[in-house]
């Protein structure tokens, strides 16, 4: 019996080389996704832990801040230190969780705040007889809006007021502000552009 040899062609097993252009596109796509994820994560980290935007709503801080002023809130400073008298802060309203307000820090923990005929008097360990705050940022036309009172602050409590005392709902209405409700202090004003500045409205007093 004759044996017939199989001379059929052997299939080529050589692999086709990838198109360099395709590889570059895939690499660029992966890089774009990675950079986007990093940027998004960084933005969220900044938003929730470092800084946050805040748009003023209403007239309670006039003339320092008007309606629709766009602010950036510093969330970090009060993780490292405590609010100071004269700081302008944003906080969660204790009586309405989820609602944020902007006010000025007037009274500090373990102080007594006295309001008499629109004047604010502070009594503390250094000044047991009390001293009257000089508040040049106030518009005399915006004074009033509340009765005379005397408030004793406990540890971790602050007394805050709006600069427009006539219309502001503040510690005169709903009481002392707990430390844990403070979001941060006003760090930047970005709008309106002609009023852009750092630490806008911050005040310091002679005691």
Protein backbone atom coordinates (compact mmCIF):
# COMPACT_ATOMS: atom_id res chain seq x y z
CA UNK A 1 0.00 0.00 0.00
CA UNK A 2 1.32 3.32 -1.04
CA UNK A 3 1.57 5.96 1.60
CA UNK A 4 0.70 9.38 0.28
CA UNK A 5 2.35 12.25 2.12
CA UNK A 6 0.15 15.22 3.30
CA UNK A 7 1.65 18.27 1.62
CA UNK A 8 -1.15 20.70 2.60
CA UNK A 9 0.08 24.14 3.78
CA UNK A 10 0.56 24.67 7.51
CA UNK A 11 -1.63 27.46 8.88
CA UNK A 12 0.34 30.46 9.94
CA UNK A 13 0.33 30.95 13.67
CA UNK A 14 1.96 34.30 13.57
CA UNK A 15 0.01 36.87 15.63
CA UNK A 16 -0.93 40.18 14.14
CA UNK A 17 0.91 43.04 15.89
CA UNK A 18 -1.42 45.51 17.68
CA UNK A 19 -1.91 48.85 16.02
CA UNK A 20 0.22 51.42 17.94
CA UNK A 21 -2.49 54.01 17.46
CA UNK A 22 -5.04 51.76 19.18
CA UNK A 23 -2.70 51.20 22.12
CA UNK A 24 -2.16 54.93 22.50
CA UNK A 25 -5.91 55.59 22.47
CA UNK A 26 -6.54 52.91 25.10
CA UNK A 27 -3.76 54.28 27.30
CA UNK A 28 -5.06 57.82 26.94
CA UNK A 29 -8.58 56.67 27.79
CA UNK A 30 -7.40 54.89 30.95
CA UNK A 31 -5.37 57.93 31.97
CA UNK A 32 -8.35 60.21 31.45
CA UNK A 33 -10.56 58.00 33.62
CA UNK A 34 -7.88 57.85 36.32
CA UNK A 35 -7.29 61.61 36.33
CA UNK A 36 -11.03 62.29 36.36
CA UNK A 37 -11.50 59.97 39.34
CA UNK A 38 -8.60 61.61 41.19
CA UNK A 39 -9.91 65.10 40.43
CA UNK A 40 -13.42 64.16 41.56
CA UNK A 41 -12.12 62.59 44.75
CA UNK A 42 -9.96 65.63 45.47
CA UNK A 43 -12.88 67.98 44.82
CA UNK A 44 -15.13 66.01 47.18
CA UNK A 45 -12.41 65.93 49.84
CA UNK A 46 -11.96 69.70 49.61
CA UNK A 47 -15.72 70.27 49.58
CA UNK A 48 -16.48 68.26 52.71
CA UNK A 49 -13.30 68.59 54.75
CA UNK A 50 -11.41 71.75 53.76
CA UNK A 51 -13.65 74.39 52.17
CA UNK A 52 -17.25 74.81 51.10
CA UNK A 53 -19.21 77.41 49.12
CA UNK A 54 -21.94 79.44 50.77
CA UNK A 55 -24.37 81.90 49.19
CA UNK A 56 -25.78 84.57 51.49
CA UNK A 57 -29.55 84.54 51.62
CA UNK A 58 -31.36 87.47 53.18
CA UNK A 59 -30.43 90.72 54.87
CA UNK A 60 -29.39 89.57 58.36
CA UNK A 61 -25.68 90.38 57.83
CA UNK A 62 -26.07 93.73 56.08
CA UNK A 63 -24.15 95.93 55.53
CA UNK A 64 -21.22 93.48 55.80
CA UNK A 65 -22.75 90.91 53.44
CA UNK A 66 -25.65 91.42 51.06
CA UNK A 67 -28.04 88.91 49.57
CA UNK A 68 -26.40 86.54 47.03
CA UNK A 69 -22.82 87.27 48.07
CA UNK A 70 -20.79 84.16 47.21
CA UNK A 71 -18.44 83.03 49.98
CA UNK A 72 -15.94 80.25 50.65
CA UNK A 73 -16.05 78.71 54.11
CA UNK A 74 -12.85 77.48 55.79
CA UNK A 75 -13.60 74.13 57.48
CA UNK A 76 -10.07 73.47 58.76
CA UNK A 77 -9.23 76.37 61.10
CA UNK A 78 -11.65 75.33 63.82
CA UNK A 79 -10.27 71.79 63.77
CA UNK A 80 -6.98 73.34 64.90
CA UNK A 81 -8.27 76.14 67.12
CA UNK A 82 -11.37 77.79 68.53
CA UNK A 83 -13.61 80.53 67.10
CA UNK A 84 -12.60 84.05 68.11
CA UNK A 85 -14.78 86.99 68.96
CA UNK A 86 -15.49 88.89 65.76
CA UNK A 87 -15.21 85.88 63.44
CA UNK A 88 -17.95 85.56 60.85
CA UNK A 89 -19.06 81.93 60.81
CA UNK A 90 -21.45 79.56 59.08
CA UNK A 91 -23.23 76.97 61.21
CA UNK A 92 -26.12 74.54 61.21
CA UNK A 93 -29.11 76.05 62.96
CA UNK A 94 -29.68 74.02 66.15
CA UNK A 95 -33.46 74.32 65.91
CA UNK A 96 -33.60 73.36 62.20
CA UNK A 97 -31.07 70.67 61.23
CA UNK A 98 -30.01 71.02 57.61
CA UNK A 99 -30.42 74.79 57.53
CA UNK A 100 -27.24 76.87 57.58
CA UNK A 101 -26.90 80.47 58.75
CA UNK A 102 -24.16 83.09 58.77
CA UNK A 103 -23.57 85.25 61.88
CA UNK A 104 -20.83 86.95 63.87
CA UNK A 105 -19.28 85.47 67.04
CA UNK A 106 -19.95 87.87 69.94
CA UNK A 107 -19.80 85.83 73.15
CA UNK A 108 -17.34 83.04 73.98
CA UNK A 109 -17.71 80.01 76.26
CA UNK A 110 -18.13 80.79 79.98
CA UNK A 111 -18.77 84.47 79.36
CA UNK A 112 -21.83 86.54 80.19
CA UNK A 113 -23.36 88.58 77.38
CA UNK A 114 -25.50 91.58 78.31
CA UNK A 115 -27.54 93.50 75.74
CA UNK A 116 -28.77 96.85 76.99
CA UNK A 117 -30.17 99.61 74.80
CA UNK A 118 -28.51 98.09 71.71
CA UNK A 119 -25.08 97.98 73.39
CA UNK A 120 -23.33 94.62 73.86
CA UNK A 121 -21.44 94.16 77.13
CA UNK A 122 -19.14 91.19 77.79
CA UNK A 123 -18.27 89.92 81.26
CA UNK A 124 -15.56 87.29 81.67
CA UNK A 125 -12.72 86.25 83.98
CA UNK A 126 -10.44 88.98 82.66
CA UNK A 127 -13.15 91.65 82.81
CA UNK A 128 -15.57 90.76 85.62
CA UNK A 129 -16.92 94.33 85.54
CA UNK A 130 -17.59 93.97 81.82
CA UNK A 131 -16.59 95.91 78.71
CA UNK A 132 -18.70 97.26 75.86
CA UNK A 133 -17.99 96.08 72.34
CA UNK A 134 -17.10 98.74 69.81
CA UNK A 135 -18.82 97.59 66.61
CA UNK A 136 -18.00 99.99 63.74
CA UNK A 137 -19.35 97.55 61.14
CA UNK A 138 -22.94 98.17 62.32
CA UNK A 139 -25.30 100.52 60.52
CA UNK A 140 -27.13 102.55 63.16
CA UNK A 141 -30.30 102.22 61.10
CA UNK A 142 -30.15 98.43 61.57
CA UNK A 143 -30.03 98.39 65.38
CA UNK A 144 -32.85 97.09 67.54
CA UNK A 145 -35.01 94.08 66.90
CA UNK A 146 -34.77 92.55 70.36
CA UNK A 147 -35.23 93.08 74.08
CA UNK A 148 -32.51 93.72 76.64
CA UNK A 149 -31.15 90.45 78.01
CA UNK A 150 -28.43 88.73 80.00
CA UNK A 151 -27.12 85.34 78.83
CA UNK A 152 -24.61 83.14 80.68
CA UNK A 153 -22.71 80.84 78.31
CA UNK A 154 -21.61 77.36 79.31
CA UNK A 155 -18.48 75.55 78.14
CA UNK A 156 -18.74 74.90 74.39
CA UNK A 157 -21.39 77.58 73.81
CA UNK A 158 -21.18 80.76 71.73
CA UNK A 159 -23.39 83.82 71.40
CA UNK A 160 -23.79 84.95 67.79
CA UNK A 161 -25.50 87.98 66.26
CA UNK A 162 -26.28 89.21 62.78
CA UNK A 163 -24.89 92.61 61.81
CA UNK A 164 -28.39 93.72 60.86
CA UNK A 165 -29.73 93.48 64.39
CA UNK A 166 -33.18 94.71 63.38
CA UNK A 167 -34.03 91.65 61.24
CA UNK A 168 -31.56 88.96 62.32
CA UNK A 169 -32.70 85.71 63.91
CA UNK A 170 -29.78 84.82 66.14
CA UNK A 171 -28.81 83.92 69.73
CA UNK A 172 -31.25 86.53 71.00
CA UNK A 173 -34.04 84.37 69.56
CA UNK A 174 -32.94 80.74 69.76
CA UNK A 175 -30.22 80.88 72.42
CA UNK A 176 -26.57 79.88 72.63
CA UNK A 177 -24.88 78.15 69.71
CA UNK A 178 -23.27 74.74 70.46
CA UNK A 179 -19.68 74.39 69.27
CA UNK A 180 -20.42 71.22 67.33
CA UNK A 181 -22.87 72.98 65.00
CA UNK A 182 -20.22 75.35 63.61
CA UNK A 183 -19.23 74.50 60.02
CA UNK A 184 -16.40 77.02 59.63
CA UNK A 185 -15.48 80.65 59.26
CA UNK A 186 -15.89 82.86 56.22
CA UNK A 187 -12.53 82.79 54.44
CA UNK A 188 -13.16 84.37 51.02
CA UNK A 189 -15.74 86.52 49.30
CA UNK A 190 -15.68 85.72 45.57
CA UNK A 191 -18.76 87.63 44.45
CA UNK A 192 -19.42 90.41 43.72
CA UNK A 193 -16.07 90.73 41.99
CA UNK A 194 -15.51 94.32 43.09
CA UNK A 195 -15.77 93.18 46.74
CA UNK A 196 -13.55 90.10 46.48
CA UNK A 197 -11.36 89.75 49.57
CA UNK A 198 -10.01 87.39 52.23
CA UNK A 199 -11.50 87.09 55.72
CA UNK A 200 -14.24 89.57 54.82
CA UNK A 201 -16.06 91.14 57.74
CA UNK A 202 -13.73 89.75 60.40
CA UNK A 203 -13.41 92.10 63.38
CA UNK A 204 -11.21 92.33 66.46
CA UNK A 205 -11.99 94.31 69.61
CA UNK A 206 -10.11 96.15 72.32
CA UNK A 207 -10.93 94.49 75.62
